[in-house]
Amino acid sequence: MTADRNSISSLIEKRRELARLIETLEQQLDQHWADLAHIDGALRLLGKELDPETLRPKSRYRRSPSFGRNELSRLVLGILRIAADEPIGIEEIARWVTAAKGFVAADAGLRAAIRQRLRAIITRLHKQGVIEGTSGGRGSKWKLTSGA
């Protein structure tokens, strides 16, 4: 019987903790909604033709299970170092990454996901001044800057 009472007591305590957590989160959520309403009001005043309801929420970053932390960025920089002064495109970088990681080259879905991540990494590296583009548009080719 004491085991049942201990179990019940533990469950009651856990329920009380969760109920308090939910109350706290609901209060925080209410505050966030109020903050959002104030920002929307300011946007409507400053941007007369802007409708804040049409703005999408910021997406959440999800790390790829195929790559470790900063692994893809390091691979890209390594590939560009190997290529030296010869600019290379995203497709070629994706092929190098696929080979380096031992992925199946025929997997179109995986190649598309790698290209999408490569675009984000190349954009970041370009903004940081680490790499430079040699042409614009889809056929862009990239190489390390002289200082990198």
C-alpha atoms as a PDB file:
ATOM      1  CA  MET A   1       0.000   0.000   0.000  1.00  0.00           C
ATOM      2  CA  THR A   2       2.838   2.438   0.719  1.00  0.00           C
ATOM      3  CA  ALA A   3       4.178   1.868  -2.793  1.00  0.00           C
ATOM      4  CA  ASP A   4       0.785   2.911  -4.196  1.00  0.00           C
ATOM      5  CA  ARG A   5       0.703   6.001  -1.973  1.00  0.00           C
ATOM      6  CA  ASN A   6       4.249   6.956  -3.012  1.00  0.00           C
ATOM      7  CA  SER A   7       3.365   6.481  -6.664  1.00  0.00           C
ATOM      8  CA  ILE A   8       0.202   8.530  -6.298  1.00  0.00           C
ATOM      9  CA  SER A   9       2.054  11.224  -4.391  1.00  0.00           C
ATOM     10  CA  SER A  10       4.755  11.383  -7.086  1.00  0.00           C
ATOM     11  CA  LEU A  11       2.161  11.570  -9.852  1.00  0.00           C
ATOM     12  CA  ILE A  12       0.270  14.345  -8.059  1.00  0.00           C
ATOM     13  CA  GLU A  13       3.500  16.314  -7.637  1.00  0.00           C
ATOM     14  CA  LYS A  14       4.414  15.826 -11.282  1.00  0.00           C
ATOM     15  CA  ARG A  15       0.960  16.919 -12.392  1.00  0.00           C
ATOM     16  CA  ARG A  16       1.209  20.070 -10.267  1.00  0.00           C
ATOM     17  CA  GLU A  17       4.607  20.879 -11.839  1.00  0.00           C
ATOM     18  CA  LEU A  18       3.250  20.395 -15.361  1.00  0.00           C
ATOM     19  CA  ALA A  19       0.133  22.465 -14.640  1.00  0.00           C
ATOM     20  CA  ARG A  20       2.322  25.330 -13.371  1.00  0.00           C
ATOM     21  CA  LEU A  21       4.585  25.043 -16.428  1.00  0.00           C
ATOM     22  CA  ILE A  22       1.557  25.215 -18.729  1.00  0.00           C
ATOM     23  CA  GLU A  23       0.266  28.316 -16.900  1.00  0.00           C
ATOM     24  CA  THR A  24       3.659  30.004 -17.253  1.00  0.00           C
ATOM     25  CA  LEU A  25       3.894  29.143 -20.948  1.00  0.00           C
ATOM     26  CA  GLU A  26       0.357  30.408 -21.550  1.00  0.00           C
ATOM     27  CA  GLN A  27       1.263  33.714 -19.871  1.00  0.00           C
ATOM     28  CA  GLN A  28       4.387  33.987 -22.025  1.00  0.00           C
ATOM     29  CA  LEU A  29       2.354  33.166 -25.125  1.00  0.00           C
ATOM     30  CA  ASP A  30      -0.203  35.870 -24.254  1.00  0.00           C
ATOM     31  CA  GLN A  31       2.655  38.370 -23.877  1.00  0.00           C
ATOM     32  CA  HIS A  32       4.138  37.345 -27.217  1.00  0.00           C
ATOM     33  CA  TRP A  33       0.741  37.778 -28.915  1.00  0.00           C
ATOM     34  CA  ALA A  34       0.448  41.256 -27.363  1.00  0.00           C
ATOM     35  CA  ASP A  35       3.975  42.151 -28.533  1.00  0.00           C
ATOM     36  CA  LEU A  36       3.135  40.905 -32.022  1.00  0.00           C
ATOM     37  CA  ALA A  37      -0.019  43.032 -32.091  1.00  0.00           C
ATOM     38  CA  HIS A  38       2.009  46.128 -31.146  1.00  0.00           C
ATOM     39  CA  ILE A  39       4.582  45.421 -33.879  1.00  0.00           C
ATOM     40  CA  ASP A  40       1.785  44.853 -36.406  1.00  0.00           C
ATOM     41  CA  GLY A  41       0.277  48.214 -35.422  1.00  0.00           C
ATOM     42  CA  ALA A  42       3.611  49.974 -35.908  1.00  0.00           C
ATOM     43  CA  LEU A  43       4.082  48.279 -39.287  1.00  0.00           C
ATOM     44  CA  ARG A  44       0.612  49.399 -40.388  1.00  0.00           C
ATOM     45  CA  LEU A  45       1.422  52.997 -39.386  1.00  0.00           C
ATOM     46  CA  LEU A  46       4.834  53.093 -41.060  1.00  0.00           C
ATOM     47  CA  GLY A  47       4.124  50.960 -44.110  1.00  0.00           C
ATOM     48  CA  LYS A  48       0.683  52.049 -45.265  1.00  0.00           C
ATOM     49  CA  GLU A  49       0.426  49.412 -48.012  1.00  0.00           C
ATOM     50  CA  LEU A  50       1.976  46.645 -45.896  1.00  0.00           C
ATOM     51  CA  ASP A  51      -0.271  43.955 -44.418  1.00  0.00           C
ATOM     52  CA  PRO A  52       1.568  42.280 -41.514  1.00  0.00           C
ATOM     53  CA  GLU A  53      -0.739  39.261 -41.725  1.00  0.00           C
ATOM     54  CA  THR A  54       0.875  38.338 -45.058  1.00  0.00           C
ATOM     55  CA  LEU A  55       4.345  38.067 -43.517  1.00  0.00           C
ATOM     56  CA  ARG A  56       5.358  34.463 -42.976  1.00  0.00           C
ATOM     57  CA  PRO A  57       6.901  33.400 -39.677  1.00  0.00           C
ATOM     58  CA  LYS A  58      10.627  32.843 -39.678  1.00  0.00           C
ATOM     59  CA  SER A  59      11.386  29.218 -40.448  1.00  0.00           C
ATOM     60  CA  ARG A  60      13.140  27.026 -37.948  1.00  0.00           C
ATOM     61  CA  TYR A  61      16.604  25.765 -38.814  1.00  0.00           C
ATOM     62  CA  ARG A  62      16.884  22.007 -38.934  1.00  0.00           C
ATOM     63  CA  ARG A  63      20.302  20.431 -39.073  1.00  0.00           C
ATOM     64  CA  SER A  64      20.763  17.739 -41.647  1.00  0.00           C
ATOM     65  CA  PRO A  65      21.361  14.282 -40.199  1.00  0.00           C
ATOM     66  CA  SER A  66      23.787  13.646 -43.083  1.00  0.00           C
ATOM     67  CA  PHE A  67      26.290  16.276 -41.971  1.00  0.00           C
ATOM     68  CA  GLY A  68      27.858  17.214 -38.666  1.00  0.00           C
ATOM     69  CA  ARG A  69      28.135  20.728 -37.311  1.00  0.00           C
ATOM     70  CA  ASN A  70      29.755  22.967 -39.974  1.00  0.00           C
ATOM     71  CA  GLU A  71      30.866  19.864 -41.880  1.00  0.00           C
ATOM     72  CA  LEU A  72      29.332  20.960 -45.162  1.00  0.00           C
ATOM     73  CA  SER A  73      30.897  24.432 -44.898  1.00  0.00           C
ATOM     74  CA  ARG A  74      34.295  22.853 -44.259  1.00  0.00           C
ATOM     75  CA  LEU A  75      33.797  20.515 -47.223  1.00  0.00           C
ATOM     76  CA  VAL A  76      32.924  23.440 -49.501  1.00  0.00           C
ATOM     77  CA  LEU A  77      36.001  25.388 -48.428  1.00  0.00           C
ATOM     78  CA  GLY A  78      38.173  22.297 -48.867  1.00  0.00           C
ATOM     79  CA  ILE A  79      36.800  21.700 -52.360  1.00  0.00           C
ATOM     80  CA  LEU A  80      37.398  25.329 -53.326  1.00  0.00           C
ATOM     81  CA  ARG A  81      40.973  25.068 -51.996  1.00  0.00           C
ATOM     82  CA  ILE A  82      41.565  21.938 -54.085  1.00  0.00           C
ATOM     83  CA  ALA A  83      40.143  23.708 -57.145  1.00  0.00           C
ATOM     84  CA  ALA A  84      42.617  26.557 -56.424  1.00  0.00           C
ATOM     85  CA  ASP A  85      41.987  29.478 -58.787  1.00  0.00           C
ATOM     86  CA  GLU A  86      39.638  27.508 -61.042  1.00  0.00           C
ATOM     87  CA  PRO A  87      36.033  28.631 -60.337  1.00  0.00           C
ATOM     88  CA  ILE A  88      33.508  25.813 -59.925  1.00  0.00           C
ATOM     89  CA  GLY A  89      29.707  25.723 -59.851  1.00  0.00           C
ATOM     90  CA  ILE A  90      27.269  24.365 -57.304  1.00  0.00           C
ATOM     91  CA  GLU A  91      26.612  21.213 -59.351  1.00  0.00           C
ATOM     92  CA  GLU A  92      30.293  20.321 -59.357  1.00  0.00           C
ATOM     93  CA  ILE A  93      30.633  21.113 -55.647  1.00  0.00           C
ATOM     94  CA  ALA A  94      27.597  18.884 -54.990  1.00  0.00           C
ATOM     95  CA  ARG A  95      29.256  16.028 -56.915  1.00  0.00           C
ATOM     96  CA  TRP A  96      32.449  16.422 -54.862  1.00  0.00           C
ATOM     97  CA  VAL A  97      30.450  16.453 -51.603  1.00  0.00           C
ATOM     98  CA  THR A  98      28.475  13.374 -52.665  1.00  0.00           C
ATOM     99  CA  ALA A  99      31.698  11.510 -53.472  1.00  0.00           C
ATOM    100  CA  ALA A 100      33.471  12.682 -50.300  1.00  0.00           C
ATOM    101  CA  LYS A 101      30.606  11.497 -48.095  1.00  0.00           C
ATOM    102  CA  GLY A 102      30.098   8.244 -50.009  1.00  0.00           C
ATOM    103  CA  PHE A 103      26.463   9.021 -50.863  1.00  0.00           C
ATOM    104  CA  VAL A 104      24.646   7.363 -53.744  1.00  0.00           C
ATOM    105  CA  ALA A 105      25.138   9.690 -56.715  1.00  0.00           C
ATOM    106  CA  ALA A 106      21.887   8.538 -58.354  1.00  0.00           C
ATOM    107  CA  ASP A 107      19.723   9.744 -55.441  1.00  0.00           C
ATOM    108  CA  ALA A 108      18.077  12.829 -56.986  1.00  0.00           C
ATOM    109  CA  GLY A 109      16.337  13.853 -53.752  1.00  0.00           C
ATOM    110  CA  LEU A 110      19.575  13.817 -51.798  1.00  0.00           C
ATOM    111  CA  ARG A 111      21.377  15.768 -54.533  1.00  0.00           C
ATOM    112  CA  ALA A 112      18.619  18.403 -54.501  1.00  0.00           C
ATOM    113  CA  ALA A 113      18.823  18.708 -50.695  1.00  0.00           C
ATOM    114  CA  ILE A 114      22.612  19.068 -50.858  1.00  0.00           C
ATOM    115  CA  ARG A 115      22.328  21.750 -53.584  1.00  0.00           C
ATOM    116  CA  GLN A 116      19.807  23.671 -51.480  1.00  0.00           C
ATOM    117  CA  ARG A 117      22.125  23.628 -48.465  1.00  0.00           C
ATOM    118  CA  LEU A 118      25.077  24.519 -50.679  1.00  0.00           C
ATOM    119  CA  ARG A 119      23.254  27.611 -51.956  1.00  0.00           C
ATOM    120  CA  ALA A 120      22.739  28.828 -48.395  1.00  0.00           C
ATOM    121  CA  ILE A 121      26.373  28.144 -47.467  1.00  0.00           C
ATOM    122  CA  ILE A 122      27.723  29.800 -50.607  1.00  0.00           C
ATOM    123  CA  THR A 123      25.518  32.846 -50.036  1.00  0.00           C
ATOM    124  CA  ARG A 124      26.827  33.133 -46.465  1.00  0.00           C
ATOM    125  CA  LEU A 125      30.460  32.676 -47.500  1.00  0.00           C
ATOM    126  CA  HIS A 126      30.012  35.236 -50.285  1.00  0.00           C
ATOM    127  CA  LYS A 127      28.527  37.800 -47.879  1.00  0.00           C
ATOM    128  CA  GLN A 128      31.432  37.167 -45.504  1.00  0.00           C
ATOM    129  CA  GLY A 129      33.874  37.839 -48.336  1.00  0.00           C
ATOM    130  CA  VAL A 130      35.432  34.369 -48.160  1.00  0.00           C
ATOM    131  CA  ILE A 131      34.463  33.434 -51.722  1.00  0.00           C
ATOM    132  CA  GLU A 132      33.700  35.375 -54.864  1.00  0.00           C
ATOM    133  CA  GLY A 133      31.484  34.662 -57.834  1.00  0.00           C
ATOM    134  CA  THR A 134      32.731  34.839 -61.385  1.00  0.00           C
ATOM    135  CA  SER A 135      29.353  35.082 -63.121  1.00  0.00           C
ATOM    136  CA  GLY A 136      25.758  35.738 -62.135  1.00  0.00           C
ATOM    137  CA  GLY A 137      22.603  33.681 -62.170  1.00  0.00           C
ATOM    138  CA  ARG A 138      22.202  29.915 -62.091  1.00  0.00           C
ATOM    139  CA  GLY A 139      25.508  29.266 -63.829  1.00  0.00           C
ATOM    140  CA  SER A 140      27.525  31.060 -61.151  1.00  0.00           C
ATOM    141  CA  LYS A 141      30.953  29.720 -60.458  1.00  0.00           C
ATOM    142  CA  TRP A 142      32.774  30.276 -57.215  1.00  0.00           C
ATOM    143  CA  LYS A 143      36.336  30.487 -55.990  1.00  0.00           C
ATOM    144  CA  LEU A 144      38.119  31.534 -52.828  1.00  0.00           C
ATOM    145  CA  THR A 145      39.009  35.191 -52.545  1.00  0.00           C
ATOM    146  CA  SER A 146      42.701  36.002 -52.671  1.00  0.00           C
ATOM    147  CA  GLY A 147      42.774  36.722 -48.911  1.00  0.00           C
ATOM    148  CA  ALA A 148      41.043  33.464 -47.856  1.00  0.00           C
END
